[in-house]
Structures are given as structure tokens and as C-alpha cells.
Protein backbone atom coordinates (compact mmCIF):
# COMPACT_ATOMS: atom_id res chain seq x y z
CA UNK A 1 -43.37 -34.66 -4.63
CA UNK A 2 -41.02 -33.83 -7.50
CA UNK A 3 -39.74 -30.27 -7.51
CA UNK A 4 -40.94 -27.95 -10.27
CA UNK A 5 -38.18 -26.77 -12.57
CA UNK A 6 -37.44 -23.24 -13.76
CA UNK A 7 -35.72 -23.18 -17.16
CA UNK A 8 -34.35 -20.11 -18.92
CA UNK A 9 -34.34 -20.45 -22.71
CA UNK A 10 -31.66 -19.05 -24.99
CA UNK A 11 -32.98 -18.61 -28.53
CA UNK A 12 -29.86 -18.34 -30.69
CA UNK A 13 -29.58 -16.66 -34.08
CA UNK A 14 -26.19 -16.03 -35.68
CA UNK A 15 -24.43 -16.73 -32.40
CA UNK A 16 -26.43 -14.23 -30.33
CA UNK A 17 -29.35 -14.63 -27.93
CA UNK A 18 -32.54 -13.13 -29.37
CA UNK A 19 -36.15 -12.77 -28.25
CA UNK A 20 -39.32 -11.99 -30.17
CA UNK A 21 -43.09 -11.81 -29.82
CA UNK A 22 -45.30 -14.50 -31.37
CA UNK A 23 -42.13 -15.91 -32.98
CA UNK A 24 -41.32 -12.66 -34.90
CA UNK A 25 -39.83 -9.18 -34.28
CA UNK A 26 -36.58 -10.51 -32.84
CA UNK A 27 -34.32 -8.30 -30.74
CA UNK A 28 -30.87 -8.92 -29.30
CA UNK A 29 -30.76 -10.22 -25.74
CA UNK A 30 -27.04 -10.74 -25.20
CA UNK A 31 -24.15 -13.17 -25.36
CA UNK A 32 -25.34 -16.77 -24.86
CA UNK A 33 -22.25 -17.92 -22.96
CA UNK A 34 -22.45 -15.03 -20.48
CA UNK A 35 -26.20 -15.52 -20.01
CA UNK A 36 -25.77 -19.27 -19.52
CA UNK A 37 -23.13 -18.68 -16.83
CA UNK A 38 -25.38 -16.16 -15.08
CA UNK A 39 -28.34 -18.55 -15.00
CA UNK A 40 -26.25 -21.50 -13.85
CA UNK A 41 -24.93 -19.44 -10.94
CA UNK A 42 -28.29 -17.93 -10.02
CA UNK A 43 -30.63 -20.84 -9.44
CA UNK A 44 -31.80 -22.10 -12.84
CA UNK A 45 -32.60 -25.81 -12.73
CA UNK A 46 -31.82 -26.41 -16.38
CA UNK A 47 -30.99 -24.47 -19.52
CA UNK A 48 -32.53 -24.79 -22.98
CA UNK A 49 -30.56 -23.58 -25.98
CA UNK A 50 -32.42 -23.39 -29.31
CA UNK A 51 -30.76 -22.43 -32.58
CA UNK A 52 -33.87 -20.93 -34.15
CA UNK A 53 -32.33 -20.52 -37.61
CA UNK A 54 -30.24 -23.68 -37.72
CA UNK A 55 -29.36 -25.25 -41.02
CA UNK A 56 -27.31 -28.34 -41.76
CA UNK A 57 -24.25 -26.30 -42.80
CA UNK A 58 -24.17 -24.56 -39.43
CA UNK A 59 -24.20 -27.69 -37.29
CA UNK A 60 -20.44 -27.37 -36.63
CA UNK A 61 -20.79 -23.73 -35.64
CA UNK A 62 -23.57 -24.60 -33.20
CA UNK A 63 -21.51 -27.46 -31.74
CA UNK A 64 -18.66 -25.05 -30.91
CA UNK A 65 -21.06 -22.71 -29.13
CA UNK A 66 -22.61 -25.65 -27.26
CA UNK A 67 -19.13 -26.66 -26.08
CA UNK A 68 -18.45 -23.13 -24.80
CA UNK A 69 -21.73 -23.07 -22.89
CA UNK A 70 -21.28 -26.60 -21.49
CA UNK A 71 -17.84 -25.69 -20.15
CA UNK A 72 -19.37 -22.71 -18.33
CA UNK A 73 -22.37 -24.25 -16.57
CA UNK A 74 -23.09 -27.08 -14.12
CA UNK A 75 -26.82 -27.65 -14.71
CA UNK A 76 -28.58 -29.92 -17.25
CA UNK A 77 -28.42 -28.48 -20.74
CA UNK A 78 -30.85 -29.15 -23.61
CA UNK A 79 -29.92 -28.20 -27.17
CA UNK A 80 -32.20 -27.97 -30.20
CA UNK A 81 -32.37 -26.53 -33.68
CA UNK A 82 -31.74 -28.25 -37.01
CA UNK A 83 -31.25 -31.72 -35.49
CA UNK A 84 -32.31 -34.39 -37.96
CA UNK A 85 -30.13 -37.46 -37.41
CA UNK A 86 -28.41 -39.71 -34.89
CA UNK A 87 -25.12 -38.19 -36.04
CA UNK A 88 -26.29 -34.65 -35.21
CA UNK A 89 -27.17 -35.78 -31.71
CA UNK A 90 -23.85 -37.55 -31.18
CA UNK A 91 -21.98 -34.34 -32.08
CA UNK A 92 -23.99 -32.25 -29.62
CA UNK A 93 -23.82 -34.77 -26.77
CA UNK A 94 -20.06 -35.08 -27.32
CA UNK A 95 -19.85 -31.30 -27.03
CA UNK A 96 -21.57 -31.26 -23.65
CA UNK A 97 -25.33 -31.26 -24.20
CA UNK A 98 -27.26 -33.42 -21.70
CA UNK A 99 -30.47 -33.61 -23.75
CA UNK A 100 -31.48 -32.72 -27.27
CA UNK A 101 -34.70 -31.21 -28.56
CA UNK A 102 -36.26 -32.10 -31.91
CA UNK A 103 -39.24 -30.40 -33.51
CA UNK A 104 -39.66 -30.03 -37.29
CA UNK A 105 -37.49 -33.05 -38.06
CA UNK A 106 -39.66 -35.25 -35.82
CA UNK A 107 -42.82 -34.09 -37.60
CA UNK A 108 -41.29 -34.81 -41.01
CA UNK A 109 -39.87 -38.15 -39.85
CA UNK A 110 -41.58 -39.43 -36.67
CA UNK A 111 -39.39 -42.57 -36.72
CA UNK A 112 -36.52 -40.27 -35.72
CA UNK A 113 -37.98 -40.13 -32.19
CA UNK A 114 -37.91 -43.92 -31.95
CA UNK A 115 -34.36 -44.07 -33.31
CA UNK A 116 -33.03 -41.40 -30.95
CA UNK A 117 -34.78 -42.84 -27.89
CA UNK A 118 -33.46 -46.30 -28.73
CA UNK A 119 -29.90 -45.08 -29.24
CA UNK A 120 -29.56 -42.51 -26.45
CA UNK A 121 -32.40 -43.26 -24.00
CA UNK A 122 -35.74 -41.52 -23.50
CA UNK A 123 -34.32 -39.29 -20.75
CA UNK A 124 -32.17 -37.61 -23.39
CA UNK A 125 -34.93 -36.87 -25.91
CA UNK A 126 -37.14 -33.77 -25.66
CA UNK A 127 -39.72 -33.18 -28.37
CA UNK A 128 -40.60 -29.52 -28.79
CA UNK A 129 -44.11 -28.77 -30.04
CA UNK A 130 -45.07 -25.30 -31.28
CA UNK A 131 -48.82 -24.88 -31.67
CA UNK A 132 -51.51 -22.23 -32.01
CA UNK A 133 -55.29 -22.22 -32.08
CA UNK A 134 -56.80 -22.19 -35.57
CA UNK A 135 -60.57 -22.42 -36.03
CA UNK A 136 -60.91 -23.58 -32.44
CA UNK A 137 -58.29 -26.36 -32.62
CA UNK A 138 -54.68 -26.47 -31.51
CA UNK A 139 -52.59 -27.03 -34.65
CA UNK A 140 -48.91 -27.95 -34.63
CA UNK A 141 -46.49 -25.76 -36.61
CA UNK A 142 -42.99 -26.45 -37.85
CA UNK A 143 -40.01 -24.46 -39.21
CA UNK A 144 -39.84 -22.25 -36.12
CA UNK A 145 -43.60 -21.68 -36.22
CA UNK A 146 -43.60 -20.55 -39.83
CA UNK A 147 -45.44 -23.50 -41.37
CA UNK A 148 -48.84 -24.85 -40.35
CA UNK A 149 -49.50 -28.60 -40.33
CA UNK A 150 -52.66 -30.70 -40.08
CA UNK A 151 -51.42 -32.24 -36.84
CA UNK A 152 -53.55 -31.85 -33.74
CA UNK A 153 -51.49 -30.87 -30.68
CA UNK A 154 -52.91 -33.54 -28.40
CA UNK A 155 -52.79 -36.39 -30.91
CA UNK A 156 -49.21 -35.53 -31.83
CA UNK A 157 -48.19 -35.27 -28.17
CA UNK A 158 -49.61 -38.74 -27.52
CA UNK A 159 -47.76 -40.17 -30.51
CA UNK A 160 -44.54 -38.50 -29.39
CA UNK A 161 -44.84 -40.15 -25.98
CA UNK A 162 -45.58 -43.55 -27.52
CA UNK A 163 -42.52 -43.25 -29.77
CA UNK A 164 -40.22 -42.85 -26.77
CA UNK A 165 -39.77 -39.15 -26.05
CA UNK A 166 -38.84 -38.49 -22.44
CA UNK A 167 -40.28 -35.00 -22.23
CA UNK A 168 -42.37 -32.49 -24.21
CA UNK A 169 -41.61 -28.79 -24.50
CA UNK A 170 -44.94 -27.19 -25.43
CA UNK A 171 -44.88 -23.61 -26.69
CA UNK A 172 -48.12 -21.76 -27.31
CA UNK A 173 -47.39 -19.51 -30.27
CA UNK A 174 -50.42 -17.39 -29.34
CA UNK A 175 -48.89 -16.67 -25.92
CA UNK A 176 -45.21 -16.45 -26.90
CA UNK A 177 -43.63 -13.15 -25.85
CA UNK A 178 -46.97 -11.59 -24.86
CA UNK A 179 -46.30 -11.83 -21.10
CA UNK A 180 -50.00 -12.58 -20.55
CA UNK A 181 -49.51 -16.01 -18.99
CA UNK A 182 -49.11 -19.59 -20.20
CA UNK A 183 -51.71 -21.66 -22.09
CA UNK A 184 -52.86 -23.36 -18.89
CA UNK A 185 -55.93 -25.11 -20.26
CA UNK A 186 -53.91 -26.86 -22.96
CA UNK A 187 -51.09 -27.55 -20.50
CA UNK A 188 -53.50 -29.16 -18.05
CA UNK A 189 -54.93 -31.39 -20.76
CA UNK A 190 -51.45 -32.47 -21.88
CA UNK A 191 -50.29 -33.08 -18.30
CA UNK A 192 -53.39 -35.12 -17.52
CA UNK A 193 -53.33 -37.32 -20.63
CA UNK A 194 -49.57 -38.02 -20.72
CA UNK A 195 -47.19 -39.66 -18.27
CA UNK A 196 -44.01 -37.87 -19.39
CA UNK A 197 -43.07 -34.40 -18.06
CA UNK A 198 -44.44 -31.29 -19.77
CA UNK A 199 -42.42 -28.07 -19.97
CA UNK A 200 -44.61 -24.97 -20.30
CA UNK A 201 -43.37 -22.31 -22.70
CA UNK A 202 -44.79 -19.06 -24.07
CA UNK A 203 -46.34 -16.24 -22.09
CA UNK A 204 -44.40 -15.69 -18.87
CA UNK A 205 -44.72 -12.08 -17.72
CA UNK A 206 -44.93 -12.15 -13.94
CA UNK A 207 -44.42 -14.55 -11.06
CA UNK A 208 -48.12 -15.41 -10.83
CA UNK A 209 -47.94 -16.84 -14.35
CA UNK A 210 -45.44 -19.46 -13.16
CA UNK A 211 -47.65 -20.29 -10.21
CA UNK A 212 -50.60 -20.74 -12.58
CA UNK A 213 -48.58 -22.96 -14.93
CA UNK A 214 -47.77 -25.30 -12.05
CA UNK A 215 -51.19 -25.27 -10.38
CA UNK A 216 -53.75 -24.71 -13.14
CA UNK A 217 -51.59 -26.08 -15.96
CA UNK A 218 -50.10 -28.94 -13.93
CA UNK A 219 -46.80 -28.41 -15.76
CA UNK A 220 -43.62 -30.10 -14.51
CA UNK A 221 -41.38 -27.22 -15.57
CA UNK A 222 -41.77 -23.66 -16.82
CA UNK A 223 -39.54 -22.10 -19.44
CA UNK A 224 -39.11 -18.39 -20.08
CA UNK A 225 -36.76 -16.06 -21.89
CA UNK A 226 -37.23 -12.29 -21.97
CA UNK A 227 -38.41 -11.88 -18.36
CA UNK A 228 -35.11 -13.44 -17.29
CA UNK A 229 -32.86 -11.94 -19.98
CA UNK A 230 -34.01 -8.38 -19.24
CA UNK A 231 -34.10 -8.84 -15.43
CA UNK A 232 -37.85 -8.35 -15.13
CA UNK A 233 -37.93 -11.44 -12.89
CA UNK A 234 -34.95 -12.96 -11.08
CA UNK A 235 -34.92 -16.71 -10.61
CA UNK A 236 -34.11 -16.31 -6.91
CA UNK A 237 -37.15 -14.12 -6.27
CA UNK A 238 -39.33 -16.37 -8.42
CA UNK A 239 -38.35 -19.51 -6.53
CA UNK A 240 -38.77 -17.87 -3.13
CA UNK A 241 -42.26 -16.75 -4.08
CA UNK A 242 -43.18 -20.18 -5.46
CA UNK A 243 -41.98 -21.78 -2.22
CA UNK A 244 -44.11 -19.30 -0.26
CA UNK A 245 -47.06 -20.55 -2.30
CA UNK A 246 -46.25 -24.16 -1.36
CA UNK A 247 -44.97 -25.08 -4.81
CA UNK A 248 -41.97 -27.41 -4.43
CA UNK A 249 -38.81 -25.91 -5.95
CA UNK A 250 -35.08 -26.42 -5.48
CA UNK A 251 -33.56 -23.42 -3.68
């Protein structure tokens, strides 16, 4: 059985790590390079780095920060935020990213997924999907969760897979930062209907929530931010507890 992955997420704004609740009320969580080094040395399986306020002009700034992080860590490293072209991806991969994550740009131009998968390989392409429940249906949002779309979460996820994405990072906006647990029902549906790995995001507050994401939600990986940044949960303790519950993890 494949091991379940634990992935800290660094949300970056103006060169600093930040964390909010339901995508707003951001607070500082530290230096991204120092945090990345800490996670790499303390059992994280991968690292996700999202520039949550990226714009085209700041691509070069982000690339320099990516290079600093990549030189510091020895685990797979996914970078997202403001990526809208093959050229953007080439810059980031050349600066040490192992995978890239696209979100808003893929919604605006779905062909981008095909182009990136064709050029760099599916294993390199993560599509991030931010969604929340509106009138009983999961609706996809873009622009860092600020803008609602008509896209249904499950239909979009299926299209993303068909277009060549190698992985989906699903964040429940309703659960983000609440520490009340992941959106396990939606995760389970995604994991059942798709063949590519699903990363659970949004809602981690205690170790049991990770257990639930892997058992009830059938997720392949679980991503969290504040519980790791503020030392509420250590990755070592988390993995030991998961192993005690017969969930396969890399120790």
C-alpha cells in the first residue's frame, strides 16, 4: 500500500508566510525559508509553497524565494501562485521546484493543463481547486477564493484529470483555518471517482482529523499550515500516531 503523505503548506504574501481563516484575516507565521528547512528536517514528505497574492510582475521575486527554499530542503517541493504559462513553469522548475500548482489560470484557460502536462509530464502538474458549498452544491472559486464560478467541484475535478493533471489539491473554503476537520465526504467522493491522487486541505486541527482524512476521506495526502507553523502538532508525533492507527506513513 502506498504511504500517506503529510504536507505542510507555506502561504506566501510579500515574502512572508501567512495564515488566515476561511481565506481571510491573515496573520504572520514566519520566514518561509526557515520554516521550509524545519519541515524538511522534521519528517514532512513534501512541501507546498503558494504565493497567495502573486501577480505577473512578481514572478521574478517569487522565483528567487523558490530558489532559496529549494537550496535548503531535500523533499519534493510544489510551487503555485500566479502561474499562467509554460514560461512561468520553466522559470520555477529551473529554480528548484519539483511540481507546480495551477488554479485560477487553469479555470480561465483549461487548455493550460493539457499544455503543461504535455510539456513537463503529468507527475509535475498539480491542479489546486478551492471550493465551498453554495445552495447545497460545491462550487469552485478562483482568485484565492475571492471569486465564485459556475463550476461544479466534481465535474471540474474530472475534467482536470482528463486534461492530464497528475494530482489535485482540494481545499474546502468552508473548513479552511477552522480546525474542525477536513471535508471528508467531498474528499471520499473525489477519491472514489478519480484515479489520480487527492491532497486534502482545509480544516486540520488535531491528529484525529488527519486520520479521518485518510480513512473516511480516502485522501492520498493531507496538507496543513497553522497547526504545524504554530507547533500545535508536530509531524513526528502525527506520523507516530497515524502508524499506531495502522495508517501507512514514512517515518
